[in-house]
Amino acid sequence: MIEINNLTTFAVDEKFLKKIAQKVLRGEKKRNKNLSVALIGEGRIRELNKKYRKKSRVTDVLAFPEIEIGLPARITAQGEAGGGEIVICLREVKKNSQKYKKKNSFYGAVGQGKK
């Protein structure tokens, strides 16, 4: 199961994000994993980056396995543990899309979102 949690004021295409997440999980041969994608603001990602990476700055993406963030591991029907959480700062992704001019990528797709 893939869950999208948009905690920002940006409009995002959740179906598109789920498609990307499913494609990544298939490519990693983890198609039956549970994955949560949280879209958050600059302040919150800075807090998480400082807490988990000891870096007091905004970043675009952080990824956490379920075990690392203290969640109980969910077991799928195939007996596999869950996947974890990806935390994305949309404002930083948008900045990076302009900086790196990546139109045919995640940066480009999310960077086109409206606030």
N, C-alpha and C. Protein backbone atom coordinates (compact mmCIF):
# COMPACT_ATOMS: atom_id res chain seq x y z
N MET A 1 0.84 -1.18 0.00
CA MET A 1 0.00 0.00 0.00
C MET A 1 0.89 1.25 0.00
N ILE A 2 0.54 2.19 -0.83
CA ILE A 2 1.25 3.46 -0.89
C ILE A 2 0.30 4.54 -0.41
N GLU A 3 0.76 5.31 0.56
CA GLU A 3 -0.05 6.37 1.15
C GLU A 3 0.64 7.71 0.90
N ILE A 4 -0.13 8.70 0.41
CA ILE A 4 0.38 10.04 0.17
C ILE A 4 -0.26 10.97 1.20
N ASN A 5 0.59 11.71 1.94
CA ASN A 5 0.11 12.67 2.94
C ASN A 5 0.64 14.05 2.57
N ASN A 6 -0.23 14.89 1.99
CA ASN A 6 0.18 16.24 1.60
C ASN A 6 -0.12 17.19 2.75
N LEU A 7 0.93 17.60 3.45
CA LEU A 7 0.79 18.50 4.60
C LEU A 7 1.21 19.92 4.22
N THR A 8 1.09 20.25 2.94
CA THR A 8 1.46 21.57 2.44
C THR A 8 0.24 22.22 1.79
N THR A 9 0.44 23.45 1.31
CA THR A 9 -0.62 24.13 0.56
C THR A 9 -0.46 23.92 -0.94
N PHE A 10 0.57 23.19 -1.36
CA PHE A 10 0.78 22.90 -2.78
C PHE A 10 -0.24 21.89 -3.27
N ALA A 11 -0.75 22.12 -4.47
CA ALA A 11 -1.62 21.13 -5.12
C ALA A 11 -0.71 20.11 -5.79
N VAL A 12 -0.95 18.83 -5.52
CA VAL A 12 -0.15 17.77 -6.13
C VAL A 12 -1.07 16.71 -6.72
N ASP A 13 -0.55 16.02 -7.70
CA ASP A 13 -1.27 14.93 -8.35
C ASP A 13 -0.91 13.64 -7.60
N GLU A 14 -1.76 13.24 -6.68
CA GLU A 14 -1.46 12.06 -5.85
C GLU A 14 -1.38 10.79 -6.67
N LYS A 15 -2.18 10.67 -7.72
CA LYS A 15 -2.12 9.48 -8.58
C LYS A 15 -0.75 9.38 -9.24
N PHE A 16 -0.23 10.52 -9.68
CA PHE A 16 1.09 10.56 -10.31
C PHE A 16 2.16 10.13 -9.32
N LEU A 17 2.11 10.65 -8.10
CA LEU A 17 3.09 10.29 -7.08
C LEU A 17 3.02 8.81 -6.74
N LYS A 18 1.81 8.28 -6.65
CA LYS A 18 1.66 6.85 -6.38
C LYS A 18 2.25 6.01 -7.51
N LYS A 19 2.04 6.45 -8.75
CA LYS A 19 2.61 5.73 -9.90
C LYS A 19 4.13 5.69 -9.81
N ILE A 20 4.73 6.84 -9.49
CA ILE A 20 6.19 6.89 -9.37
C ILE A 20 6.66 5.96 -8.26
N ALA A 21 5.99 6.02 -7.12
CA ALA A 21 6.37 5.17 -5.98
C ALA A 21 6.25 3.69 -6.34
N GLN A 22 5.17 3.31 -7.02
CA GLN A 22 4.98 1.92 -7.43
C GLN A 22 6.09 1.48 -8.40
N LYS A 23 6.46 2.35 -9.30
CA LYS A 23 7.51 2.05 -10.27
C LYS A 23 8.84 1.83 -9.56
N VAL A 24 9.14 2.69 -8.61
CA VAL A 24 10.39 2.55 -7.84
C VAL A 24 10.39 1.24 -7.06
N LEU A 25 9.28 0.94 -6.38
CA LEU A 25 9.20 -0.29 -5.59
C LEU A 25 9.35 -1.52 -6.49
N ARG A 26 8.73 -1.50 -7.67
CA ARG A 26 8.88 -2.62 -8.62
C ARG A 26 10.33 -2.76 -9.04
N GLY A 27 10.97 -1.63 -9.36
CA GLY A 27 12.37 -1.65 -9.78
C GLY A 27 13.30 -2.17 -8.70
N GLU A 28 12.94 -1.95 -7.45
CA GLU A 28 13.74 -2.42 -6.32
C GLU A 28 13.31 -3.82 -5.88
N LYS A 29 12.39 -4.43 -6.62
CA LYS A 29 11.84 -5.75 -6.29
C LYS A 29 11.21 -5.77 -4.90
N LYS A 30 10.51 -4.69 -4.57
CA LYS A 30 9.84 -4.57 -3.28
C LYS A 30 8.39 -4.15 -3.50
N ARG A 31 7.79 -4.72 -4.51
CA ARG A 31 6.46 -4.31 -4.91
C ARG A 31 5.40 -4.51 -3.82
N ASN A 32 5.62 -5.39 -2.87
CA ASN A 32 4.62 -5.66 -1.83
C ASN A 32 4.87 -4.89 -0.54
N LYS A 33 5.74 -3.89 -0.58
CA LYS A 33 6.05 -3.12 0.62
C LYS A 33 5.03 -2.01 0.83
N ASN A 34 4.87 -1.61 2.08
CA ASN A 34 4.06 -0.45 2.42
C ASN A 34 4.97 0.77 2.38
N LEU A 35 4.47 1.86 1.83
CA LEU A 35 5.27 3.06 1.72
C LEU A 35 4.40 4.28 1.98
N SER A 36 4.90 5.17 2.79
CA SER A 36 4.22 6.43 3.06
C SER A 36 5.08 7.55 2.48
N VAL A 37 4.43 8.45 1.74
CA VAL A 37 5.11 9.61 1.19
C VAL A 37 4.49 10.84 1.85
N ALA A 38 5.30 11.58 2.61
CA ALA A 38 4.82 12.78 3.30
C ALA A 38 5.39 14.01 2.61
N LEU A 39 4.52 14.92 2.24
CA LEU A 39 4.92 16.18 1.62
C LEU A 39 4.81 17.25 2.70
N ILE A 40 5.96 17.86 3.04
CA ILE A 40 6.00 18.78 4.18
C ILE A 40 6.70 20.09 3.81
N GLY A 41 6.67 21.02 4.75
CA GLY A 41 7.28 22.32 4.54
C GLY A 41 8.74 22.38 4.98
N GLU A 42 9.33 23.55 4.75
CA GLU A 42 10.75 23.75 5.03
C GLU A 42 11.10 23.61 6.50
N GLY A 43 10.28 24.17 7.37
CA GLY A 43 10.58 24.11 8.81
C GLY A 43 10.62 22.69 9.33
N ARG A 44 9.64 21.91 8.93
CA ARG A 44 9.56 20.53 9.42
C ARG A 44 10.68 19.66 8.87
N ILE A 45 11.03 19.84 7.58
CA ILE A 45 12.10 19.00 7.04
C ILE A 45 13.44 19.41 7.64
N ARG A 46 13.60 20.68 7.97
CA ARG A 46 14.83 21.11 8.64
C ARG A 46 14.94 20.43 10.01
N GLU A 47 13.83 20.37 10.75
CA GLU A 47 13.83 19.69 12.06
C GLU A 47 14.21 18.22 11.91
N LEU A 48 13.61 17.54 10.94
CA LEU A 48 13.90 16.12 10.73
C LEU A 48 15.34 15.91 10.29
N ASN A 49 15.84 16.78 9.43
CA ASN A 49 17.22 16.67 8.95
C ASN A 49 18.19 16.86 10.11
N LYS A 50 17.87 17.80 10.99
CA LYS A 50 18.74 18.04 12.16
C LYS A 50 18.69 16.85 13.12
N LYS A 51 17.49 16.34 13.36
CA LYS A 51 17.33 15.23 14.30
C LYS A 51 18.00 13.95 13.81
N TYR A 52 17.80 13.60 12.55
CA TYR A 52 18.26 12.30 12.06
C TYR A 52 19.60 12.34 11.34
N ARG A 53 19.99 13.51 10.79
CA ARG A 53 21.26 13.58 10.04
C ARG A 53 22.23 14.58 10.66
N LYS A 54 21.79 15.25 11.72
CA LYS A 54 22.64 16.24 12.41
C LYS A 54 23.04 17.39 11.47
N LYS A 55 22.15 17.74 10.53
CA LYS A 55 22.40 18.84 9.60
C LYS A 55 21.25 19.83 9.71
N SER A 56 21.55 21.04 10.17
CA SER A 56 20.52 22.04 10.40
C SER A 56 20.27 22.86 9.14
N ARG A 57 19.75 22.20 8.11
CA ARG A 57 19.42 22.89 6.87
C ARG A 57 18.27 22.16 6.18
N VAL A 58 17.65 22.88 5.28
CA VAL A 58 16.55 22.32 4.50
C VAL A 58 17.14 21.38 3.45
N THR A 59 16.47 20.28 3.21
CA THR A 59 16.84 19.35 2.15
C THR A 59 15.58 19.02 1.36
N ASP A 60 15.73 18.43 0.19
CA ASP A 60 14.55 18.14 -0.61
C ASP A 60 13.87 16.83 -0.22
N VAL A 61 14.65 15.79 0.09
CA VAL A 61 14.07 14.48 0.37
C VAL A 61 14.82 13.78 1.50
N LEU A 62 14.06 13.15 2.39
CA LEU A 62 14.62 12.25 3.41
C LEU A 62 13.86 10.93 3.30
N ALA A 63 14.56 9.83 3.52
CA ALA A 63 13.92 8.51 3.45
C ALA A 63 14.25 7.74 4.72
N PHE A 64 13.23 7.08 5.27
CA PHE A 64 13.38 6.33 6.51
C PHE A 64 12.77 4.94 6.38
N PRO A 65 13.52 3.90 6.69
CA PRO A 65 12.90 2.57 6.80
C PRO A 65 11.98 2.59 8.01
N GLU A 66 10.93 1.79 8.03
CA GLU A 66 9.99 1.79 9.16
C GLU A 66 10.69 1.54 10.49
N ILE A 67 11.60 0.62 10.53
CA ILE A 67 12.28 0.28 11.78
C ILE A 67 13.00 1.51 12.34
N GLU A 68 13.66 2.29 11.46
CA GLU A 68 14.46 3.44 11.90
C GLU A 68 13.61 4.52 12.57
N ILE A 69 12.37 4.71 12.11
CA ILE A 69 11.56 5.77 12.69
C ILE A 69 10.66 5.25 13.81
N GLY A 70 10.89 4.03 14.24
CA GLY A 70 10.21 3.51 15.41
C GLY A 70 8.80 3.01 15.18
N LEU A 71 8.42 2.79 13.93
CA LEU A 71 7.10 2.25 13.65
C LEU A 71 7.16 0.73 13.70
N PRO A 72 6.10 0.10 14.14
CA PRO A 72 6.11 -1.37 14.09
C PRO A 72 6.12 -1.82 12.64
N ALA A 73 6.93 -2.80 12.33
CA ALA A 73 7.02 -3.30 10.96
C ALA A 73 5.71 -3.99 10.59
N ARG A 74 5.09 -3.54 9.52
CA ARG A 74 3.88 -4.19 9.02
C ARG A 74 4.30 -5.40 8.21
N ILE A 75 3.53 -6.45 8.29
CA ILE A 75 3.83 -7.67 7.54
C ILE A 75 2.82 -7.80 6.41
N THR A 76 3.30 -7.98 5.19
CA THR A 76 2.41 -8.14 4.04
C THR A 76 1.92 -9.58 3.97
N ALA A 77 1.02 -9.82 3.05
CA ALA A 77 0.49 -11.18 2.87
C ALA A 77 1.59 -12.17 2.50
N GLN A 78 2.67 -11.67 1.89
CA GLN A 78 3.78 -12.53 1.50
C GLN A 78 4.80 -12.67 2.64
N GLY A 79 4.51 -12.08 3.80
CA GLY A 79 5.40 -12.21 4.94
C GLY A 79 6.57 -11.25 4.95
N GLU A 80 6.50 -10.18 4.13
CA GLU A 80 7.59 -9.21 4.09
C GLU A 80 7.28 -8.03 5.00
N ALA A 81 8.33 -7.45 5.58
CA ALA A 81 8.16 -6.26 6.41
C ALA A 81 7.86 -5.07 5.52
N GLY A 82 7.26 -4.04 6.11
CA GLY A 82 6.88 -2.83 5.38
C GLY A 82 8.07 -2.04 4.89
N GLY A 83 7.79 -0.98 4.12
CA GLY A 83 8.83 -0.25 3.44
C GLY A 83 9.36 0.99 4.13
N GLY A 84 8.52 1.80 4.75
CA GLY A 84 9.01 2.99 5.41
C GLY A 84 8.35 4.26 4.93
N GLU A 85 9.10 5.36 5.04
CA GLU A 85 8.54 6.66 4.70
C GLU A 85 9.55 7.50 3.93
N ILE A 86 9.02 8.21 2.94
CA ILE A 86 9.80 9.19 2.20
C ILE A 86 9.18 10.54 2.52
N VAL A 87 10.02 11.47 2.95
CA VAL A 87 9.56 12.81 3.32
C VAL A 87 10.11 13.78 2.29
N ILE A 88 9.23 14.57 1.69
CA ILE A 88 9.62 15.47 0.61
C ILE A 88 9.22 16.90 0.95
N CYS A 89 10.16 17.81 0.79
CA CYS A 89 9.88 19.24 0.94
C CYS A 89 9.61 19.80 -0.45
N LEU A 90 8.34 20.06 -0.76
CA LEU A 90 7.97 20.49 -2.10
C LEU A 90 8.60 21.83 -2.48
N ARG A 91 8.71 22.74 -1.53
CA ARG A 91 9.31 24.04 -1.83
C ARG A 91 10.78 23.87 -2.27
N GLU A 92 11.50 22.97 -1.59
CA GLU A 92 12.90 22.72 -1.94
C GLU A 92 13.00 21.99 -3.28
N VAL A 93 12.08 21.08 -3.53
CA VAL A 93 12.04 20.38 -4.83
C VAL A 93 11.79 21.40 -5.94
N LYS A 94 10.89 22.33 -5.69
CA LYS A 94 10.59 23.36 -6.69
C LYS A 94 11.83 24.21 -6.96
N LYS A 95 12.54 24.60 -5.91
CA LYS A 95 13.79 25.36 -6.09
C LYS A 95 14.78 24.57 -6.92
N ASN A 96 14.93 23.29 -6.61
CA ASN A 96 15.88 22.44 -7.34
C ASN A 96 15.47 22.24 -8.79
N SER A 97 14.16 22.20 -9.06
CA SER A 97 13.71 22.03 -10.44
C SER A 97 14.12 23.24 -11.27
N GLN A 98 14.09 24.41 -10.68
CA GLN A 98 14.51 25.62 -11.39
C GLN A 98 16.03 25.66 -11.51
N LYS A 99 16.71 25.25 -10.44
CA LYS A 99 18.17 25.27 -10.41
C LYS A 99 18.77 24.30 -11.43
N TYR A 100 18.21 23.10 -11.49
CA TYR A 100 18.78 22.06 -12.34
C TYR A 100 18.05 21.89 -13.67
N LYS A 101 16.98 22.64 -13.88
CA LYS A 101 16.22 22.62 -15.14
C LYS A 101 15.83 21.21 -15.57
N LYS A 102 15.35 20.42 -14.61
CA LYS A 102 14.96 19.04 -14.91
C LYS A 102 13.46 18.99 -15.17
N LYS A 103 13.08 19.10 -16.42
CA LYS A 103 11.67 19.14 -16.76
C LYS A 103 11.06 17.74 -16.86
N ASN A 104 11.81 16.75 -17.30
CA ASN A 104 11.29 15.40 -17.46
C ASN A 104 11.71 14.51 -16.30
N SER A 105 11.46 14.98 -15.10
CA SER A 105 11.86 14.23 -13.92
C SER A 105 10.88 14.53 -12.81
N PHE A 106 11.13 13.91 -11.67
CA PHE A 106 10.31 14.21 -10.50
C PHE A 106 10.38 15.70 -10.17
N TYR A 107 11.61 16.27 -10.22
CA TYR A 107 11.77 17.70 -9.95
C TYR A 107 10.89 18.52 -10.89
N GLY A 108 10.94 18.17 -12.16
CA GLY A 108 10.16 18.91 -13.13
C GLY A 108 8.68 18.77 -12.92
N ALA A 109 8.25 17.57 -12.65
CA ALA A 109 6.82 17.31 -12.46
C ALA A 109 6.28 18.01 -11.22
N VAL A 110 6.98 17.88 -10.12
CA VAL A 110 6.52 18.50 -8.88
C VAL A 110 6.75 20.00 -8.93
N GLY A 111 7.82 20.42 -9.58
CA GLY A 111 8.14 21.84 -9.67
C GLY A 111 7.08 22.64 -10.40
N GLN A 112 6.27 21.97 -11.21
CA GLN A 112 5.20 22.66 -11.94
C GLN A 112 3.95 22.85 -11.10
N GLY A 113 3.91 22.24 -9.90
CA GLY A 113 2.73 22.34 -9.04
C GLY A 113 2.45 23.78 -8.64
N LYS A 114 1.19 24.08 -8.35
CA LYS A 114 0.80 25.42 -7.96
C LYS A 114 0.60 25.49 -6.47
N LYS A 115 0.92 26.63 -5.93
CA LYS A 115 0.74 26.83 -4.49
C LYS A 115 -0.65 27.33 -4.23
